[in-house]
């Protein structure tokens, strides 16, 4: 759903990230972030009524709902068809749609995005190492330094930015 004050949230985050700003490093509390992100009550109420109209159950989050329901309820709600997909190696199954989920015209601008129904888990390259390699490493926890990742992912650091970001990797950590 739309945030109450996205420009205010963006402005605040830029201020606390700018070493030259008086608010630098004064990070937002969860309550302060929710103040900017929380969808206005009247929109949230209308979206919830629509989302629960087929019998689905929704949990309120600051700028969204997490809704669950039967396959039939979700198919009716989003005018789509769900299917069961099985992993050929693990045997795990998930329910997804291959067609776009749609919302009625009166929800346009109120339902900004629907997630969790089309995305498939993506295997990460190098995330599974043969058991021989793990045994060879022993119980040592390895990490890759930022400079290595900056080079691997072609991140450019020119020294003029007010803040810096870079990827990080923790070996043997499953996330």
C-alpha atoms as a PDB file:
ATOM      1  CA  UNK A   1       0.000   0.000   0.000  1.00  0.00           C
ATOM      2  CA  UNK A   2       1.216   3.560  -0.407  1.00  0.00           C
ATOM      3  CA  UNK A   3       3.297   5.045   2.376  1.00  0.00           C
ATOM      4  CA  UNK A   4       1.964   8.021   4.300  1.00  0.00           C
ATOM      5  CA  UNK A   5       5.033  10.191   3.656  1.00  0.00           C
ATOM      6  CA  UNK A   6       7.619   8.584   1.367  1.00  0.00           C
ATOM      7  CA  UNK A   7       9.295  11.932   0.511  1.00  0.00           C
ATOM      8  CA  UNK A   8       9.665  12.646   4.241  1.00  0.00           C
ATOM      9  CA  UNK A   9      11.149   9.201   4.867  1.00  0.00           C
ATOM     10  CA  UNK A  10      13.595   9.597   1.991  1.00  0.00           C
ATOM     11  CA  UNK A  11      14.600  13.091   3.146  1.00  0.00           C
ATOM     12  CA  UNK A  12      15.138  11.882   6.712  1.00  0.00           C
ATOM     13  CA  UNK A  13      17.217   8.895   5.595  1.00  0.00           C
ATOM     14  CA  UNK A  14      19.384  11.104   3.397  1.00  0.00           C
ATOM     15  CA  UNK A  15      19.945  13.536   6.277  1.00  0.00           C
ATOM     16  CA  UNK A  16      21.046  10.886   8.757  1.00  0.00           C
ATOM     17  CA  UNK A  17      23.352   9.354   6.126  1.00  0.00           C
ATOM     18  CA  UNK A  18      25.072  12.643   5.213  1.00  0.00           C
ATOM     19  CA  UNK A  19      28.203  13.335   7.311  1.00  0.00           C
ATOM     20  CA  UNK A  20      27.783  17.062   6.611  1.00  0.00           C
ATOM     21  CA  UNK A  21      24.210  17.207   7.937  1.00  0.00           C
ATOM     22  CA  UNK A  22      23.387  18.099  11.557  1.00  0.00           C
ATOM     23  CA  UNK A  23      21.283  14.908  11.871  1.00  0.00           C
ATOM     24  CA  UNK A  24      24.096  12.616  10.675  1.00  0.00           C
ATOM     25  CA  UNK A  25      24.092   9.285  12.520  1.00  0.00           C
ATOM     26  CA  UNK A  26      20.800   9.982  14.341  1.00  0.00           C
ATOM     27  CA  UNK A  27      19.132   6.883  12.967  1.00  0.00           C
ATOM     28  CA  UNK A  28      15.367   6.529  12.990  1.00  0.00           C
ATOM     29  CA  UNK A  29      13.725   4.343  15.583  1.00  0.00           C
ATOM     30  CA  UNK A  30      11.258   1.735  14.343  1.00  0.00           C
ATOM     31  CA  UNK A  31       8.427   3.985  15.530  1.00  0.00           C
ATOM     32  CA  UNK A  32       9.823   6.986  13.628  1.00  0.00           C
ATOM     33  CA  UNK A  33      10.232   4.944  10.431  1.00  0.00           C
ATOM     34  CA  UNK A  34       6.706   3.549  10.839  1.00  0.00           C
ATOM     35  CA  UNK A  35       5.390   7.119  11.191  1.00  0.00           C
ATOM     36  CA  UNK A  36       6.554   7.843   7.630  1.00  0.00           C
ATOM     37  CA  UNK A  37       5.748   4.413   6.194  1.00  0.00           C
ATOM     38  CA  UNK A  38       2.357   3.675   7.754  1.00  0.00           C
ATOM     39  CA  UNK A  39      -0.387   3.679   5.179  1.00  0.00           C
ATOM     40  CA  UNK A  40      -3.200   6.143   5.974  1.00  0.00           C
ATOM     41  CA  UNK A  41      -5.931   4.413   7.992  1.00  0.00           C
ATOM     42  CA  UNK A  42      -8.754   4.950   5.488  1.00  0.00           C
ATOM     43  CA  UNK A  43      -6.744   3.293   2.691  1.00  0.00           C
ATOM     44  CA  UNK A  44      -5.646   0.398   4.899  1.00  0.00           C
ATOM     45  CA  UNK A  45      -9.236  -0.170   6.025  1.00  0.00           C
ATOM     46  CA  UNK A  46     -10.484  -0.304   2.427  1.00  0.00           C
ATOM     47  CA  UNK A  47      -7.676  -2.629   1.308  1.00  0.00           C
ATOM     48  CA  UNK A  48      -8.245  -4.958   4.259  1.00  0.00           C
ATOM     49  CA  UNK A  49     -11.974  -5.171   3.524  1.00  0.00           C
ATOM     50  CA  UNK A  50     -11.213  -6.067  -0.093  1.00  0.00           C
ATOM     51  CA  UNK A  51      -8.417  -8.525   0.812  1.00  0.00           C
ATOM     52  CA  UNK A  52     -10.601 -10.358   3.338  1.00  0.00           C
ATOM     53  CA  UNK A  53     -13.695 -10.328   1.096  1.00  0.00           C
ATOM     54  CA  UNK A  54     -13.058 -13.891  -0.110  1.00  0.00           C
ATOM     55  CA  UNK A  55     -12.339 -15.219   3.381  1.00  0.00           C
ATOM     56  CA  UNK A  56      -8.574 -14.683   3.391  1.00  0.00           C
ATOM     57  CA  UNK A  57      -7.014 -13.585   6.676  1.00  0.00           C
ATOM     58  CA  UNK A  58      -4.706 -10.562   6.818  1.00  0.00           C
ATOM     59  CA  UNK A  59      -2.154  -9.375   9.352  1.00  0.00           C
ATOM     60  CA  UNK A  60      -1.527  -5.599   9.425  1.00  0.00           C
ATOM     61  CA  UNK A  61       2.007  -4.282   8.979  1.00  0.00           C
ATOM     62  CA  UNK A  62       2.884  -0.556   8.794  1.00  0.00           C
ATOM     63  CA  UNK A  63       2.639  -0.278   4.992  1.00  0.00           C
ATOM     64  CA  UNK A  64       1.256  -3.652   3.996  1.00  0.00           C
ATOM     65  CA  UNK A  65      -0.825  -6.667   4.831  1.00  0.00           C
ATOM     66  CA  UNK A  66       0.388 -10.248   4.929  1.00  0.00           C
ATOM     67  CA  UNK A  67      -2.582 -12.264   3.785  1.00  0.00           C
ATOM     68  CA  UNK A  68      -3.140 -15.996   3.793  1.00  0.00           C
ATOM     69  CA  UNK A  69      -6.020 -18.077   2.576  1.00  0.00           C
ATOM     70  CA  UNK A  70      -7.036 -21.143   0.671  1.00  0.00           C
ATOM     71  CA  UNK A  71      -6.017 -21.504  -2.956  1.00  0.00           C
ATOM     72  CA  UNK A  72      -9.615 -20.800  -4.020  1.00  0.00           C
ATOM     73  CA  UNK A  73      -9.790 -17.635  -1.876  1.00  0.00           C
ATOM     74  CA  UNK A  74      -6.524 -16.233  -3.262  1.00  0.00           C
ATOM     75  CA  UNK A  75      -7.422 -17.145  -6.856  1.00  0.00           C
ATOM     76  CA  UNK A  76     -10.759 -15.295  -6.548  1.00  0.00           C
ATOM     77  CA  UNK A  77      -9.161 -12.334  -4.804  1.00  0.00           C
ATOM     78  CA  UNK A  78      -6.428 -11.784  -7.406  1.00  0.00           C
ATOM     79  CA  UNK A  79      -8.177 -13.175 -10.505  1.00  0.00           C
ATOM     80  CA  UNK A  80      -5.399 -15.670 -11.125  1.00  0.00           C
ATOM     81  CA  UNK A  81      -4.767 -19.410 -11.132  1.00  0.00           C
ATOM     82  CA  UNK A  82      -2.373 -21.006  -8.648  1.00  0.00           C
ATOM     83  CA  UNK A  83      -0.386 -24.174  -9.301  1.00  0.00           C
ATOM     84  CA  UNK A  84       1.793 -26.490  -7.234  1.00  0.00           C
ATOM     85  CA  UNK A  85       5.435 -26.638  -8.305  1.00  0.00           C
ATOM     86  CA  UNK A  86       7.810 -29.319  -7.062  1.00  0.00           C
ATOM     87  CA  UNK A  87      11.589 -29.211  -6.806  1.00  0.00           C
ATOM     88  CA  UNK A  88      13.035 -32.109  -8.768  1.00  0.00           C
ATOM     89  CA  UNK A  89      15.891 -32.750  -6.314  1.00  0.00           C
ATOM     90  CA  UNK A  90      14.535 -31.888  -2.863  1.00  0.00           C
ATOM     91  CA  UNK A  91      10.894 -32.815  -3.401  1.00  0.00           C
ATOM     92  CA  UNK A  92       9.750 -29.570  -1.716  1.00  0.00           C
ATOM     93  CA  UNK A  93       6.638 -27.973  -3.186  1.00  0.00           C
ATOM     94  CA  UNK A  94       5.459 -24.384  -3.406  1.00  0.00           C
ATOM     95  CA  UNK A  95       2.304 -22.748  -4.688  1.00  0.00           C
ATOM     96  CA  UNK A  96       2.792 -20.029  -7.296  1.00  0.00           C
ATOM     97  CA  UNK A  97       1.028 -18.444 -10.241  1.00  0.00           C
ATOM     98  CA  UNK A  98       2.465 -18.137 -13.723  1.00  0.00           C
ATOM     99  CA  UNK A  99      -0.049 -15.426 -14.622  1.00  0.00           C
ATOM    100  CA  UNK A 100      -0.023 -11.895 -13.240  1.00  0.00           C
ATOM    101  CA  UNK A 101      -2.153 -11.285 -10.166  1.00  0.00           C
ATOM    102  CA  UNK A 102      -4.650  -8.512 -10.806  1.00  0.00           C
ATOM    103  CA  UNK A 103      -6.581  -6.236  -8.503  1.00  0.00           C
ATOM    104  CA  UNK A 104      -9.917  -4.551  -9.261  1.00  0.00           C
ATOM    105  CA  UNK A 105      -9.899  -1.001 -10.624  1.00  0.00           C
ATOM    106  CA  UNK A 106     -11.140   0.458  -7.327  1.00  0.00           C
ATOM    107  CA  UNK A 107      -7.920  -0.837  -5.659  1.00  0.00           C
ATOM    108  CA  UNK A 108      -5.592   0.839  -8.178  1.00  0.00           C
ATOM    109  CA  UNK A 109      -3.191   3.105  -6.279  1.00  0.00           C
ATOM    110  CA  UNK A 110      -4.183   1.491  -2.989  1.00  0.00           C
ATOM    111  CA  UNK A 111      -2.654  -1.913  -3.700  1.00  0.00           C
ATOM    112  CA  UNK A 112       0.745  -0.947  -5.030  1.00  0.00           C
ATOM    113  CA  UNK A 113       2.323  -4.398  -5.216  1.00  0.00           C
ATOM    114  CA  UNK A 114       1.480  -8.059  -4.642  1.00  0.00           C
ATOM    115  CA  UNK A 115       4.428 -10.314  -3.803  1.00  0.00           C
ATOM    116  CA  UNK A 116       5.042 -13.919  -2.919  1.00  0.00           C
ATOM    117  CA  UNK A 117       2.988 -15.560  -5.653  1.00  0.00           C
ATOM    118  CA  UNK A 118       5.244 -15.402  -8.723  1.00  0.00           C
ATOM    119  CA  UNK A 119       8.762 -15.473  -7.314  1.00  0.00           C
ATOM    120  CA  UNK A 120      10.590 -18.778  -7.323  1.00  0.00           C
ATOM    121  CA  UNK A 121      13.514 -19.473  -5.025  1.00  0.00           C
ATOM    122  CA  UNK A 122      16.753 -18.878  -6.889  1.00  0.00           C
ATOM    123  CA  UNK A 123      19.734 -21.124  -6.383  1.00  0.00           C
ATOM    124  CA  UNK A 124      22.755 -19.051  -5.437  1.00  0.00           C
ATOM    125  CA  UNK A 125      25.953 -19.819  -7.295  1.00  0.00           C
ATOM    126  CA  UNK A 126      28.499 -21.282  -4.919  1.00  0.00           C
ATOM    127  CA  UNK A 127      26.069 -21.508  -2.016  1.00  0.00           C
ATOM    128  CA  UNK A 128      26.378 -25.276  -1.787  1.00  0.00           C
ATOM    129  CA  UNK A 129      29.888 -26.625  -1.368  1.00  0.00           C
ATOM    130  CA  UNK A 130      30.810 -30.284  -1.636  1.00  0.00           C
ATOM    131  CA  UNK A 131      31.233 -31.995   1.732  1.00  0.00           C
ATOM    132  CA  UNK A 132      34.926 -32.604   1.008  1.00  0.00           C
ATOM    133  CA  UNK A 133      35.568 -28.858   0.834  1.00  0.00           C
ATOM    134  CA  UNK A 134      33.734 -28.250   4.100  1.00  0.00           C
ATOM    135  CA  UNK A 135      35.762 -30.964   5.845  1.00  0.00           C
ATOM    136  CA  UNK A 136      38.984 -29.492   4.461  1.00  0.00           C
ATOM    137  CA  UNK A 137      38.103 -26.085   5.902  1.00  0.00           C
ATOM    138  CA  UNK A 138      37.503 -27.516   9.358  1.00  0.00           C
ATOM    139  CA  UNK A 139      35.579 -25.486  11.899  1.00  0.00           C
ATOM    140  CA  UNK A 140      37.128 -22.163  10.892  1.00  0.00           C
ATOM    141  CA  UNK A 141      34.751 -19.335   9.999  1.00  0.00           C
ATOM    142  CA  UNK A 142      36.000 -17.505   6.927  1.00  0.00           C
ATOM    143  CA  UNK A 143      34.901 -14.118   5.654  1.00  0.00           C
ATOM    144  CA  UNK A 144      35.711 -12.169   2.529  1.00  0.00           C
ATOM    145  CA  UNK A 145      37.014  -8.639   3.026  1.00  0.00           C
ATOM    146  CA  UNK A 146      35.033  -5.783   1.425  1.00  0.00           C
ATOM    147  CA  UNK A 147      37.838  -4.966  -1.004  1.00  0.00           C
ATOM    148  CA  UNK A 148      37.535  -8.423  -2.576  1.00  0.00           C
ATOM    149  CA  UNK A 149      33.788  -8.086  -3.025  1.00  0.00           C
ATOM    150  CA  UNK A 150      34.119  -4.542  -4.336  1.00  0.00           C
ATOM    151  CA  UNK A 151      36.377  -5.923  -7.044  1.00  0.00           C
ATOM    152  CA  UNK A 152      34.186  -8.987  -7.726  1.00  0.00           C
ATOM    153  CA  UNK A 153      30.996  -6.935  -8.096  1.00  0.00           C
ATOM    154  CA  UNK A 154      32.676  -3.973  -9.828  1.00  0.00           C
ATOM    155  CA  UNK A 155      31.621  -1.444  -7.184  1.00  0.00           C
ATOM    156  CA  UNK A 156      33.299   1.915  -7.743  1.00  0.00           C
ATOM    157  CA  UNK A 157      34.385   3.980  -4.768  1.00  0.00           C
ATOM    158  CA  UNK A 158      35.615   7.392  -5.834  1.00  0.00           C
ATOM    159  CA  UNK A 159      36.213   8.913  -2.386  1.00  0.00           C
ATOM    160  CA  UNK A 160      33.835  11.836  -2.933  1.00  0.00           C
ATOM    161  CA  UNK A 161      30.632  10.175  -1.759  1.00  0.00           C
ATOM    162  CA  UNK A 162      29.216  11.258   1.590  1.00  0.00           C
ATOM    163  CA  UNK A 163      28.415   7.659   2.421  1.00  0.00           C
ATOM    164  CA  UNK A 164      29.645   4.346   1.088  1.00  0.00           C
ATOM    165  CA  UNK A 165      28.016   1.009   0.490  1.00  0.00           C
ATOM    166  CA  UNK A 166      29.468  -2.303  -0.543  1.00  0.00           C
ATOM    167  CA  UNK A 167      28.465  -5.967  -0.638  1.00  0.00           C
ATOM    168  CA  UNK A 168      29.581  -8.311   2.119  1.00  0.00           C
ATOM    169  CA  UNK A 169      29.834 -12.091   2.317  1.00  0.00           C
ATOM    170  CA  UNK A 170      29.953 -14.408   5.305  1.00  0.00           C
ATOM    171  CA  UNK A 171      31.251 -17.850   4.451  1.00  0.00           C
ATOM    172  CA  UNK A 172      29.136 -20.810   5.532  1.00  0.00           C
ATOM    173  CA  UNK A 173      26.287 -18.505   6.556  1.00  0.00           C
ATOM    174  CA  UNK A 174      23.085 -19.773   4.893  1.00  0.00           C
ATOM    175  CA  UNK A 175      21.370 -16.383   4.377  1.00  0.00           C
END
